[in-house]
mmCIF file of all heavy atoms, coordinates in Angstrom:
data_MODEL
# 
_entry.id   MODEL 
# 
loop_
_atom_site.group_PDB 
_atom_site.id 
_atom_site.type_symbol 
_atom_site.label_atom_id 
_atom_site.label_alt_id 
_atom_site.label_comp_id 
_atom_site.label_asym_id 
_atom_site.label_entity_id 
_atom_site.label_seq_id 
_atom_site.pdbx_PDB_ins_code 
_atom_site.Cartn_x 
_atom_site.Cartn_y 
_atom_site.Cartn_z 
_atom_site.occupancy 
_atom_site.B_iso_or_equiv 
_atom_site.pdbx_formal_charge 
_atom_site.auth_seq_id 
_atom_site.auth_comp_id 
_atom_site.auth_asym_id 
_atom_site.auth_atom_id 
_atom_site.pdbx_PDB_model_num 
ATOM 1   N N   . ARG A 1 1  ? 92.079 94.284  111.337 1.00 0.00 ? 1  ARG A N   1 
ATOM 2   C CA  . ARG A 1 1  ? 90.899 93.896  112.111 1.00 0.00 ? 1  ARG A CA  1 
ATOM 3   C C   . ARG A 1 1  ? 89.907 95.126  112.089 1.00 0.00 ? 1  ARG A C   1 
ATOM 4   O O   . ARG A 1 1  ? 88.624 94.858  112.056 1.00 0.00 ? 1  ARG A O   1 
ATOM 5   C CB  . ARG A 1 1  ? 91.226 93.452  113.494 1.00 0.00 ? 1  ARG A CB  1 
ATOM 6   C CG  . ARG A 1 1  ? 91.763 92.053  113.580 1.00 0.00 ? 1  ARG A CG  1 
ATOM 7   C CD  . ARG A 1 1  ? 91.913 91.512  114.940 1.00 0.00 ? 1  ARG A CD  1 
ATOM 8   N NE  . ARG A 1 1  ? 92.517 92.425  115.848 1.00 0.00 ? 1  ARG A NE  1 
ATOM 9   C CZ  . ARG A 1 1  ? 93.773 92.227  116.286 1.00 0.00 ? 1  ARG A CZ  1 
ATOM 10  N NH1 . ARG A 1 1  ? 94.552 91.230  115.831 1.00 0.00 ? 1  ARG A NH1 1 
ATOM 11  N NH2 . ARG A 1 1  ? 94.348 93.090  117.073 1.00 0.00 ? 1  ARG A NH2 1 
ATOM 12  N N   . ARG A 1 2  ? 90.377 96.248  112.368 1.00 0.00 ? 2  ARG A N   1 
ATOM 13  C CA  . ARG A 1 2  ? 89.482 97.406  112.382 1.00 0.00 ? 2  ARG A CA  1 
ATOM 14  C C   . ARG A 1 2  ? 88.770 97.690  111.085 1.00 0.00 ? 2  ARG A C   1 
ATOM 15  O O   . ARG A 1 2  ? 87.633 97.929  111.027 1.00 0.00 ? 2  ARG A O   1 
ATOM 16  C CB  . ARG A 1 2  ? 90.314 98.709  112.725 1.00 0.00 ? 2  ARG A CB  1 
ATOM 17  C CG  . ARG A 1 2  ? 89.469 99.967  112.760 1.00 0.00 ? 2  ARG A CG  1 
ATOM 18  C CD  . ARG A 1 2  ? 90.374 101.225 113.073 1.00 0.00 ? 2  ARG A CD  1 
ATOM 19  N NE  . ARG A 1 2  ? 89.856 102.456 112.614 1.00 0.00 ? 2  ARG A NE  1 
ATOM 20  C CZ  . ARG A 1 2  ? 90.097 103.009 111.441 1.00 0.00 ? 2  ARG A CZ  1 
ATOM 21  N NH1 . ARG A 1 2  ? 90.996 102.500 110.654 1.00 0.00 ? 2  ARG A NH1 1 
ATOM 22  N NH2 . ARG A 1 2  ? 89.526 104.112 111.033 1.00 0.00 ? 2  ARG A NH2 1 
ATOM 23  N N   . LEU A 1 3  ? 89.473 97.527  109.920 1.00 0.00 ? 3  LEU A N   1 
ATOM 24  C CA  . LEU A 1 3  ? 88.872 97.683  108.634 1.00 0.00 ? 3  LEU A CA  1 
ATOM 25  C C   . LEU A 1 3  ? 87.841 96.596  108.398 1.00 0.00 ? 3  LEU A C   1 
ATOM 26  O O   . LEU A 1 3  ? 86.710 96.903  107.755 1.00 0.00 ? 3  LEU A O   1 
ATOM 27  C CB  . LEU A 1 3  ? 89.940 97.622  107.546 1.00 0.00 ? 3  LEU A CB  1 
ATOM 28  C CG  . LEU A 1 3  ? 90.878 98.870  107.493 1.00 0.00 ? 3  LEU A CG  1 
ATOM 29  C CD1 . LEU A 1 3  ? 92.010 98.676  106.603 1.00 0.00 ? 3  LEU A CD1 1 
ATOM 30  C CD2 . LEU A 1 3  ? 90.055 100.169 107.134 1.00 0.00 ? 3  LEU A CD2 1 
ATOM 31  N N   . LEU A 1 4  ? 88.118 95.390  108.821 1.00 0.00 ? 4  LEU A N   1 
ATOM 32  C CA  . LEU A 1 4  ? 87.106 94.293  108.652 1.00 0.00 ? 4  LEU A CA  1 
ATOM 33  C C   . LEU A 1 4  ? 85.915 94.637  109.449 1.00 0.00 ? 4  LEU A C   1 
ATOM 34  O O   . LEU A 1 4  ? 84.742 94.507  108.961 1.00 0.00 ? 4  LEU A O   1 
ATOM 35  C CB  . LEU A 1 4  ? 87.734 92.971  109.045 1.00 0.00 ? 4  LEU A CB  1 
ATOM 36  C CG  . LEU A 1 4  ? 88.781 92.305  108.171 1.00 0.00 ? 4  LEU A CG  1 
ATOM 37  C CD1 . LEU A 1 4  ? 89.449 91.220  108.832 1.00 0.00 ? 4  LEU A CD1 1 
ATOM 38  C CD2 . LEU A 1 4  ? 87.986 91.842  106.862 1.00 0.00 ? 4  LEU A CD2 1 
ATOM 39  N N   . ASP A 1 5  ? 86.114 95.060  110.693 1.00 0.00 ? 5  ASP A N   1 
ATOM 40  C CA  . ASP A 1 5  ? 84.916 95.426  111.580 1.00 0.00 ? 5  ASP A CA  1 
ATOM 41  C C   . ASP A 1 5  ? 84.101 96.584  110.936 1.00 0.00 ? 5  ASP A C   1 
ATOM 42  O O   . ASP A 1 5  ? 82.871 96.633  111.075 1.00 0.00 ? 5  ASP A O   1 
ATOM 43  C CB  . ASP A 1 5  ? 85.387 95.864  112.981 1.00 0.00 ? 5  ASP A CB  1 
ATOM 44  C CG  . ASP A 1 5  ? 85.926 94.687  113.786 1.00 0.00 ? 5  ASP A CG  1 
ATOM 45  O OD1 . ASP A 1 5  ? 85.677 93.550  113.431 1.00 0.00 ? 5  ASP A OD1 1 
ATOM 46  O OD2 . ASP A 1 5  ? 86.632 94.994  114.832 1.00 0.00 ? 5  ASP A OD2 1 
ATOM 47  N N   . LEU A 1 6  ? 84.706 97.429  110.208 1.00 0.00 ? 6  LEU A N   1 
ATOM 48  C CA  . LEU A 1 6  ? 84.035 98.596  109.554 1.00 0.00 ? 6  LEU A CA  1 
ATOM 49  C C   . LEU A 1 6  ? 83.261 98.077  108.356 1.00 0.00 ? 6  LEU A C   1 
ATOM 50  O O   . LEU A 1 6  ? 82.357 98.880  107.785 1.00 0.00 ? 6  LEU A O   1 
ATOM 51  C CB  . LEU A 1 6  ? 84.945 99.707  109.248 1.00 0.00 ? 6  LEU A CB  1 
ATOM 52  C CG  . LEU A 1 6  ? 85.547 100.534 110.415 1.00 0.00 ? 6  LEU A CG  1 
ATOM 53  C CD1 . LEU A 1 6  ? 86.669 101.443 109.972 1.00 0.00 ? 6  LEU A CD1 1 
ATOM 54  C CD2 . LEU A 1 6  ? 84.482 101.275 111.137 1.00 0.00 ? 6  LEU A CD2 1 
ATOM 55  N N   . GLY A 1 7  ? 83.546 96.909  107.861 1.00 0.00 ? 7  GLY A N   1 
ATOM 56  C CA  . GLY A 1 7  ? 82.825 96.434  106.726 1.00 0.00 ? 7  GLY A CA  1 
ATOM 57  C C   . GLY A 1 7  ? 83.643 96.204  105.404 1.00 0.00 ? 7  GLY A C   1 
ATOM 58  O O   . GLY A 1 7  ? 83.151 95.864  104.377 1.00 0.00 ? 7  GLY A O   1 
ATOM 59  N N   . PHE A 1 8  ? 84.890 96.583  105.439 1.00 0.00 ? 8  PHE A N   1 
ATOM 60  C CA  . PHE A 1 8  ? 85.835 96.433  104.335 1.00 0.00 ? 8  PHE A CA  1 
ATOM 61  C C   . PHE A 1 8  ? 86.296 95.031  104.180 1.00 0.00 ? 8  PHE A C   1 
ATOM 62  O O   . PHE A 1 8  ? 87.379 94.667  104.555 1.00 0.00 ? 8  PHE A O   1 
ATOM 63  C CB  . PHE A 1 8  ? 86.953 97.383  104.410 1.00 0.00 ? 8  PHE A CB  1 
ATOM 64  C CG  . PHE A 1 8  ? 86.548 98.844  104.362 1.00 0.00 ? 8  PHE A CG  1 
ATOM 65  C CD1 . PHE A 1 8  ? 86.355 99.630  105.524 1.00 0.00 ? 8  PHE A CD1 1 
ATOM 66  C CD2 . PHE A 1 8  ? 86.320 99.488  103.104 1.00 0.00 ? 8  PHE A CD2 1 
ATOM 67  C CE1 . PHE A 1 8  ? 85.937 100.935 105.412 1.00 0.00 ? 8  PHE A CE1 1 
ATOM 68  C CE2 . PHE A 1 8  ? 85.933 100.815 103.067 1.00 0.00 ? 8  PHE A CE2 1 
ATOM 69  C CZ  . PHE A 1 8  ? 85.754 101.505 104.229 1.00 0.00 ? 8  PHE A CZ  1 
ATOM 70  N N   . VAL A 1 9  ? 85.397 94.133  103.653 1.00 0.00 ? 9  VAL A N   1 
ATOM 71  C CA  . VAL A 1 9  ? 85.722 92.683  103.685 1.00 0.00 ? 9  VAL A CA  1 
ATOM 72  C C   . VAL A 1 9  ? 85.923 92.304  102.205 1.00 0.00 ? 9  VAL A C   1 
ATOM 73  O O   . VAL A 1 9  ? 85.242 92.932  101.293 1.00 0.00 ? 9  VAL A O   1 
ATOM 74  C CB  . VAL A 1 9  ? 84.580 91.855  104.348 1.00 0.00 ? 9  VAL A CB  1 
ATOM 75  C CG1 . VAL A 1 9  ? 84.442 92.211  105.710 1.00 0.00 ? 9  VAL A CG1 1 
ATOM 76  C CG2 . VAL A 1 9  ? 83.203 92.154  103.602 1.00 0.00 ? 9  VAL A CG2 1 
ATOM 77  N N   . PRO A 1 10 ? 86.825 91.408  102.008 1.00 0.00 ? 10 PRO A N   1 
ATOM 78  C CA  . PRO A 1 10 ? 86.985 90.966  100.598 1.00 0.00 ? 10 PRO A CA  1 
ATOM 79  C C   . PRO A 1 10 ? 85.693 90.463  99.986  1.00 0.00 ? 10 PRO A C   1 
ATOM 80  O O   . PRO A 1 10 ? 84.946 89.696  100.575 1.00 0.00 ? 10 PRO A O   1 
ATOM 81  C CB  . PRO A 1 10 ? 87.990 89.764  100.678 1.00 0.00 ? 10 PRO A CB  1 
ATOM 82  C CG  . PRO A 1 10 ? 88.781 90.176  101.914 1.00 0.00 ? 10 PRO A CG  1 
ATOM 83  C CD  . PRO A 1 10 ? 87.786 90.816  102.849 1.00 0.00 ? 10 PRO A CD  1 
ATOM 84  N N   . GLY A 1 11 ? 85.440 90.868  98.702  1.00 0.00 ? 11 GLY A N   1 
ATOM 85  C CA  . GLY A 1 11 ? 84.239 90.592  98.061  1.00 0.00 ? 11 GLY A CA  1 
ATOM 86  C C   . GLY A 1 11 ? 83.083 91.626  98.353  1.00 0.00 ? 11 GLY A C   1 
ATOM 87  O O   . GLY A 1 11 ? 82.119 91.671  97.631  1.00 0.00 ? 11 GLY A O   1 
ATOM 88  N N   . GLY A 1 12 ? 83.279 92.502  99.302  1.00 0.00 ? 12 GLY A N   1 
ATOM 89  C CA  . GLY A 1 12 ? 82.240 93.508  99.628  1.00 0.00 ? 12 GLY A CA  1 
ATOM 90  C C   . GLY A 1 12 ? 82.388 94.718  98.670  1.00 0.00 ? 12 GLY A C   1 
ATOM 91  O O   . GLY A 1 12 ? 83.438 95.037  98.124  1.00 0.00 ? 12 GLY A O   1 
ATOM 92  N N   . ALA A 1 13 ? 81.254 95.371  98.456  1.00 0.00 ? 13 ALA A N   1 
ATOM 93  C CA  . ALA A 1 13 ? 81.163 96.542  97.660  1.00 0.00 ? 13 ALA A CA  1 
ATOM 94  C C   . ALA A 1 13 ? 81.560 97.812  98.452  1.00 0.00 ? 13 ALA A C   1 
ATOM 95  O O   . ALA A 1 13 ? 81.168 97.959  99.677  1.00 0.00 ? 13 ALA A O   1 
ATOM 96  C CB  . ALA A 1 13 ? 79.772 96.733  97.101  1.00 0.00 ? 13 ALA A CB  1 
ATOM 97  N N   . VAL A 1 14 ? 82.152 98.791  97.797  1.00 0.00 ? 14 VAL A N   1 
ATOM 98  C CA  . VAL A 1 14 ? 82.496 100.047 98.448  1.00 0.00 ? 14 VAL A CA  1 
ATOM 99  C C   . VAL A 1 14 ? 82.282 101.108 97.340  1.00 0.00 ? 14 VAL A C   1 
ATOM 100 O O   . VAL A 1 14 ? 82.639 100.895 96.175  1.00 0.00 ? 14 VAL A O   1 
ATOM 101 C CB  . VAL A 1 14 ? 83.934 100.030 99.027  1.00 0.00 ? 14 VAL A CB  1 
ATOM 102 C CG1 . VAL A 1 14 ? 84.928 99.782  97.952  1.00 0.00 ? 14 VAL A CG1 1 
ATOM 103 C CG2 . VAL A 1 14 ? 84.284 101.323 99.790  1.00 0.00 ? 14 VAL A CG2 1 
ATOM 104 N N   . THR A 1 15 ? 81.848 102.236 97.716  1.00 0.00 ? 15 THR A N   1 
ATOM 105 C CA  . THR A 1 15 ? 81.666 103.439 96.820  1.00 0.00 ? 15 THR A CA  1 
ATOM 106 C C   . THR A 1 15 ? 82.335 104.605 97.435  1.00 0.00 ? 15 THR A C   1 
ATOM 107 O O   . THR A 1 15 ? 82.071 104.821 98.633  1.00 0.00 ? 15 THR A O   1 
ATOM 108 C CB  . THR A 1 15 ? 80.146 103.695 96.720  1.00 0.00 ? 15 THR A CB  1 
ATOM 109 O OG1 . THR A 1 15 ? 79.435 102.550 96.188  1.00 0.00 ? 15 THR A OG1 1 
ATOM 110 C CG2 . THR A 1 15 ? 79.964 104.856 95.726  1.00 0.00 ? 15 THR A CG2 1 
ATOM 111 N N   . ALA A 1 16 ? 83.089 105.365 96.677  1.00 0.00 ? 16 ALA A N   1 
ATOM 112 C CA  . ALA A 1 16 ? 83.600 106.637 97.050  1.00 0.00 ? 16 ALA A CA  1 
ATOM 113 C C   . ALA A 1 16 ? 82.501 107.686 97.023  1.00 0.00 ? 16 ALA A C   1 
ATOM 114 O O   . ALA A 1 16 ? 82.059 107.932 95.862  1.00 0.00 ? 16 ALA A O   1 
ATOM 115 C CB  . ALA A 1 16 ? 84.813 106.937 96.236  1.00 0.00 ? 16 ALA A CB  1 
ATOM 116 N N   . LEU A 1 17 ? 82.125 108.320 98.058  1.00 0.00 ? 17 LEU A N   1 
ATOM 117 C CA  . LEU A 1 17 ? 80.954 109.199 98.109  1.00 0.00 ? 17 LEU A CA  1 
ATOM 118 C C   . LEU A 1 17 ? 81.455 110.691 98.011  1.00 0.00 ? 17 LEU A C   1 
ATOM 119 O O   . LEU A 1 17 ? 80.772 111.453 97.357  1.00 0.00 ? 17 LEU A O   1 
ATOM 120 C CB  . LEU A 1 17 ? 80.173 108.945 99.375  1.00 0.00 ? 17 LEU A CB  1 
ATOM 121 C CG  . LEU A 1 17 ? 79.629 107.574 99.609  1.00 0.00 ? 17 LEU A CG  1 
ATOM 122 C CD1 . LEU A 1 17 ? 78.957 107.411 100.907 1.00 0.00 ? 17 LEU A CD1 1 
ATOM 123 C CD2 . LEU A 1 17 ? 78.602 107.252 98.411  1.00 0.00 ? 17 LEU A CD2 1 
ATOM 124 N N   . GLN A 1 18 ? 82.439 111.085 98.832  1.00 0.00 ? 18 GLN A N   1 
ATOM 125 C CA  . GLN A 1 18 ? 82.739 112.477 98.956  1.00 0.00 ? 18 GLN A CA  1 
ATOM 126 C C   . GLN A 1 18 ? 84.117 112.672 99.425  1.00 0.00 ? 18 GLN A C   1 
ATOM 127 O O   . GLN A 1 18 ? 84.561 112.023 100.405 1.00 0.00 ? 18 GLN A O   1 
ATOM 128 C CB  . GLN A 1 18 ? 81.721 113.143 99.779  1.00 0.00 ? 18 GLN A CB  1 
ATOM 129 C CG  . GLN A 1 18 ? 81.812 114.641 100.009 1.00 0.00 ? 18 GLN A CG  1 
ATOM 130 C CD  . GLN A 1 18 ? 80.763 115.184 100.843 1.00 0.00 ? 18 GLN A CD  1 
ATOM 131 O OE1 . GLN A 1 18 ? 79.943 114.477 101.368 1.00 0.00 ? 18 GLN A OE1 1 
ATOM 132 N NE2 . GLN A 1 18 ? 80.663 116.503 100.963 1.00 0.00 ? 18 GLN A NE2 1 
ATOM 133 N N   . GLU A 1 19 ? 84.830 113.650 98.881  1.00 0.00 ? 19 GLU A N   1 
ATOM 134 C CA  . GLU A 1 19 ? 86.090 114.096 99.463  1.00 0.00 ? 19 GLU A CA  1 
ATOM 135 C C   . GLU A 1 19 ? 85.903 115.286 100.396 1.00 0.00 ? 19 GLU A C   1 
ATOM 136 O O   . GLU A 1 19 ? 85.053 116.041 100.086 1.00 0.00 ? 19 GLU A O   1 
ATOM 137 C CB  . GLU A 1 19 ? 87.079 114.528 98.388  1.00 0.00 ? 19 GLU A CB  1 
ATOM 138 C CG  . GLU A 1 19 ? 87.742 113.447 97.615  1.00 0.00 ? 19 GLU A CG  1 
ATOM 139 C CD  . GLU A 1 19 ? 88.683 114.043 96.560  1.00 0.00 ? 19 GLU A CD  1 
ATOM 140 O OE1 . GLU A 1 19 ? 88.561 115.154 96.183  1.00 0.00 ? 19 GLU A OE1 1 
ATOM 141 O OE2 . GLU A 1 19 ? 89.545 113.224 96.200  1.00 0.00 ? 19 GLU A OE2 1 
ATOM 142 N N   . SER A 1 20 ? 86.753 115.371 101.357 1.00 0.00 ? 20 SER A N   1 
ATOM 143 C CA  . SER A 1 20 ? 86.676 116.621 102.151 1.00 0.00 ? 20 SER A CA  1 
ATOM 144 C C   . SER A 1 20 ? 87.284 117.739 101.283 1.00 0.00 ? 20 SER A C   1 
ATOM 145 O O   . SER A 1 20 ? 87.966 117.534 100.299 1.00 0.00 ? 20 SER A O   1 
ATOM 146 C CB  . SER A 1 20 ? 87.529 116.407 103.439 1.00 0.00 ? 20 SER A CB  1 
ATOM 147 O OG  . SER A 1 20 ? 88.952 116.500 103.065 1.00 0.00 ? 20 SER A OG  1 
ATOM 148 N N   . PRO A 1 21 ? 86.971 119.010 101.633 1.00 0.00 ? 21 PRO A N   1 
ATOM 149 C CA  . PRO A 1 21 ? 87.499 120.122 100.863 1.00 0.00 ? 21 PRO A CA  1 
ATOM 150 C C   . PRO A 1 21 ? 88.989 120.062 100.633 1.00 0.00 ? 21 PRO A C   1 
ATOM 151 O O   . PRO A 1 21 ? 89.519 120.644 99.665  1.00 0.00 ? 21 PRO A O   1 
ATOM 152 C CB  . PRO A 1 21 ? 87.103 121.328 101.689 1.00 0.00 ? 21 PRO A CB  1 
ATOM 153 C CG  . PRO A 1 21 ? 85.949 120.935 102.430 1.00 0.00 ? 21 PRO A CG  1 
ATOM 154 C CD  . PRO A 1 21 ? 86.142 119.408 102.834 1.00 0.00 ? 21 PRO A CD  1 
ATOM 155 N N   . TRP A 1 22 ? 89.810 119.374 101.561 1.00 0.00 ? 22 TRP A N   1 
ATOM 156 C CA  . TRP A 1 22 ? 91.285 119.424 101.491 1.00 0.00 ? 22 TRP A CA  1 
ATOM 157 C C   . TRP A 1 22 ? 91.660 118.058 100.757 1.00 0.00 ? 22 TRP A C   1 
ATOM 158 O O   . TRP A 1 22 ? 92.878 117.848 100.625 1.00 0.00 ? 22 TRP A O   1 
ATOM 159 C CB  . TRP A 1 22 ? 91.887 119.486 102.873 1.00 0.00 ? 22 TRP A CB  1 
ATOM 160 C CG  . TRP A 1 22 ? 91.462 120.756 103.480 1.00 0.00 ? 22 TRP A CG  1 
ATOM 161 C CD1 . TRP A 1 22 ? 92.059 121.971 103.306 1.00 0.00 ? 22 TRP A CD1 1 
ATOM 162 C CD2 . TRP A 1 22 ? 90.377 121.024 104.322 1.00 0.00 ? 22 TRP A CD2 1 
ATOM 163 N NE1 . TRP A 1 22 ? 91.377 122.916 103.988 1.00 0.00 ? 22 TRP A NE1 1 
ATOM 164 C CE2 . TRP A 1 22 ? 90.306 122.342 104.675 1.00 0.00 ? 22 TRP A CE2 1 
ATOM 165 C CE3 . TRP A 1 22 ? 89.390 120.140 104.852 1.00 0.00 ? 22 TRP A CE3 1 
ATOM 166 C CZ2 . TRP A 1 22 ? 89.440 122.890 105.538 1.00 0.00 ? 22 TRP A CZ2 1 
ATOM 167 C CZ3 . TRP A 1 22 ? 88.482 120.709 105.697 1.00 0.00 ? 22 TRP A CZ3 1 
ATOM 168 C CH2 . TRP A 1 22 ? 88.438 122.061 106.015 1.00 0.00 ? 22 TRP A CH2 1 
ATOM 169 N N   . GLY A 1 23 ? 90.713 117.205 100.382 1.00 0.00 ? 23 GLY A N   1 
ATOM 170 C CA  . GLY A 1 23 ? 91.042 115.944 99.722  1.00 0.00 ? 23 GLY A CA  1 
ATOM 171 C C   . GLY A 1 23 ? 91.339 114.735 100.603 1.00 0.00 ? 23 GLY A C   1 
ATOM 172 O O   . GLY A 1 23 ? 91.498 113.707 100.146 1.00 0.00 ? 23 GLY A O   1 
ATOM 173 N N   . ASP A 1 24 ? 91.333 114.923 101.874 1.00 0.00 ? 24 ASP A N   1 
ATOM 174 C CA  . ASP A 1 24 ? 91.518 113.917 102.894 1.00 0.00 ? 24 ASP A CA  1 
ATOM 175 C C   . ASP A 1 24 ? 90.989 114.236 104.184 1.00 0.00 ? 24 ASP A C   1 
ATOM 176 O O   . ASP A 1 24 ? 91.136 115.370 104.644 1.00 0.00 ? 24 ASP A O   1 
ATOM 177 C CB  . ASP A 1 24 ? 93.139 113.796 103.069 1.00 0.00 ? 24 ASP A CB  1 
ATOM 178 C CG  . ASP A 1 24 ? 93.507 112.431 103.630 1.00 0.00 ? 24 ASP A CG  1 
ATOM 179 O OD1 . ASP A 1 24 ? 92.722 111.498 103.500 1.00 0.00 ? 24 ASP A OD1 1 
ATOM 180 O OD2 . ASP A 1 24 ? 94.644 112.339 104.084 1.00 0.00 ? 24 ASP A OD2 1 
ATOM 181 N N   . PRO A 1 25 ? 90.109 113.442 104.794 1.00 0.00 ? 25 PRO A N   1 
ATOM 182 C CA  . PRO A 1 25 ? 89.693 112.136 104.371 1.00 0.00 ? 25 PRO A CA  1 
ATOM 183 C C   . PRO A 1 25 ? 88.650 112.084 103.274 1.00 0.00 ? 25 PRO A C   1 
ATOM 184 O O   . PRO A 1 25 ? 88.171 113.099 102.813 1.00 0.00 ? 25 PRO A O   1 
ATOM 185 C CB  . PRO A 1 25 ? 89.179 111.575 105.711 1.00 0.00 ? 25 PRO A CB  1 
ATOM 186 C CG  . PRO A 1 25 ? 88.501 112.686 106.365 1.00 0.00 ? 25 PRO A CG  1 
ATOM 187 C CD  . PRO A 1 25 ? 89.392 113.799 105.997 1.00 0.00 ? 25 PRO A CD  1 
ATOM 188 N N   . VAL A 1 26 ? 88.343 110.828 102.895 1.00 0.00 ? 26 VAL A N   1 
ATOM 189 C CA  . VAL A 1 26 ? 87.284 110.593 101.897 1.00 0.00 ? 26 VAL A CA  1 
ATOM 190 C C   . VAL A 1 26 ? 86.185 109.747 102.558 1.00 0.00 ? 26 VAL A C   1 
ATOM 191 O O   . VAL A 1 26 ? 86.554 108.857 103.345 1.00 0.00 ? 26 VAL A O   1 
ATOM 192 C CB  . VAL A 1 26 ? 87.847 109.793 100.683 1.00 0.00 ? 26 VAL A CB  1 
ATOM 193 C CG1 . VAL A 1 26 ? 86.810 109.450 99.710  1.00 0.00 ? 26 VAL A CG1 1 
ATOM 194 C CG2 . VAL A 1 26 ? 89.016 110.634 100.019 1.00 0.00 ? 26 VAL A CG2 1 
ATOM 195 N N   . ALA A 1 27 ? 84.868 110.035 102.269 1.00 0.00 ? 27 ALA A N   1 
ATOM 196 C CA  . ALA A 1 27 ? 83.880 109.277 102.739 1.00 0.00 ? 27 ALA A CA  1 
ATOM 197 C C   . ALA A 1 27 ? 83.489 108.186 101.731 1.00 0.00 ? 27 ALA A C   1 
ATOM 198 O O   . ALA A 1 27 ? 83.379 108.383 100.588 1.00 0.00 ? 27 ALA A O   1 
ATOM 199 C CB  . ALA A 1 27 ? 82.541 110.165 102.936 1.00 0.00 ? 27 ALA A CB  1 
ATOM 200 N N   . TYR A 1 28 ? 83.415 106.913 102.271 1.00 0.00 ? 28 TYR A N   1 
ATOM 201 C CA  . TYR A 1 28 ? 83.129 105.717 101.494 1.00 0.00 ? 28 TYR A CA  1 
ATOM 202 C C   . TYR A 1 28 ? 81.780 105.149 101.981 1.00 0.00 ? 28 TYR A C   1 
ATOM 203 O O   . TYR A 1 28 ? 81.538 105.051 103.203 1.00 0.00 ? 28 TYR A O   1 
ATOM 204 C CB  . TYR A 1 28 ? 84.185 104.709 101.620 1.00 0.00 ? 28 TYR A CB  1 
ATOM 205 C CG  . TYR A 1 28 ? 85.472 105.212 101.051 1.00 0.00 ? 28 TYR A CG  1 
ATOM 206 C CD1 . TYR A 1 28 ? 86.509 105.705 101.966 1.00 0.00 ? 28 TYR A CD1 1 
ATOM 207 C CD2 . TYR A 1 28 ? 85.763 105.172 99.706  1.00 0.00 ? 28 TYR A CD2 1 
ATOM 208 C CE1 . TYR A 1 28 ? 87.722 106.213 101.431 1.00 0.00 ? 28 TYR A CE1 1 
ATOM 209 C CE2 . TYR A 1 28 ? 87.003 105.656 99.205  1.00 0.00 ? 28 TYR A CE2 1 
ATOM 210 C CZ  . TYR A 1 28 ? 87.970 106.149 100.108 1.00 0.00 ? 28 TYR A CZ  1 
ATOM 211 O OH  . TYR A 1 28 ? 89.126 106.649 99.576  1.00 0.00 ? 28 TYR A OH  1 
# 
């Protein structure tokens, strides 16, 4: 439910924008 509220819905587009210097987390 949290991911859906954030916009991660089936059929939706997502782009990997940037990794943190340690590799985690990643900005989408």
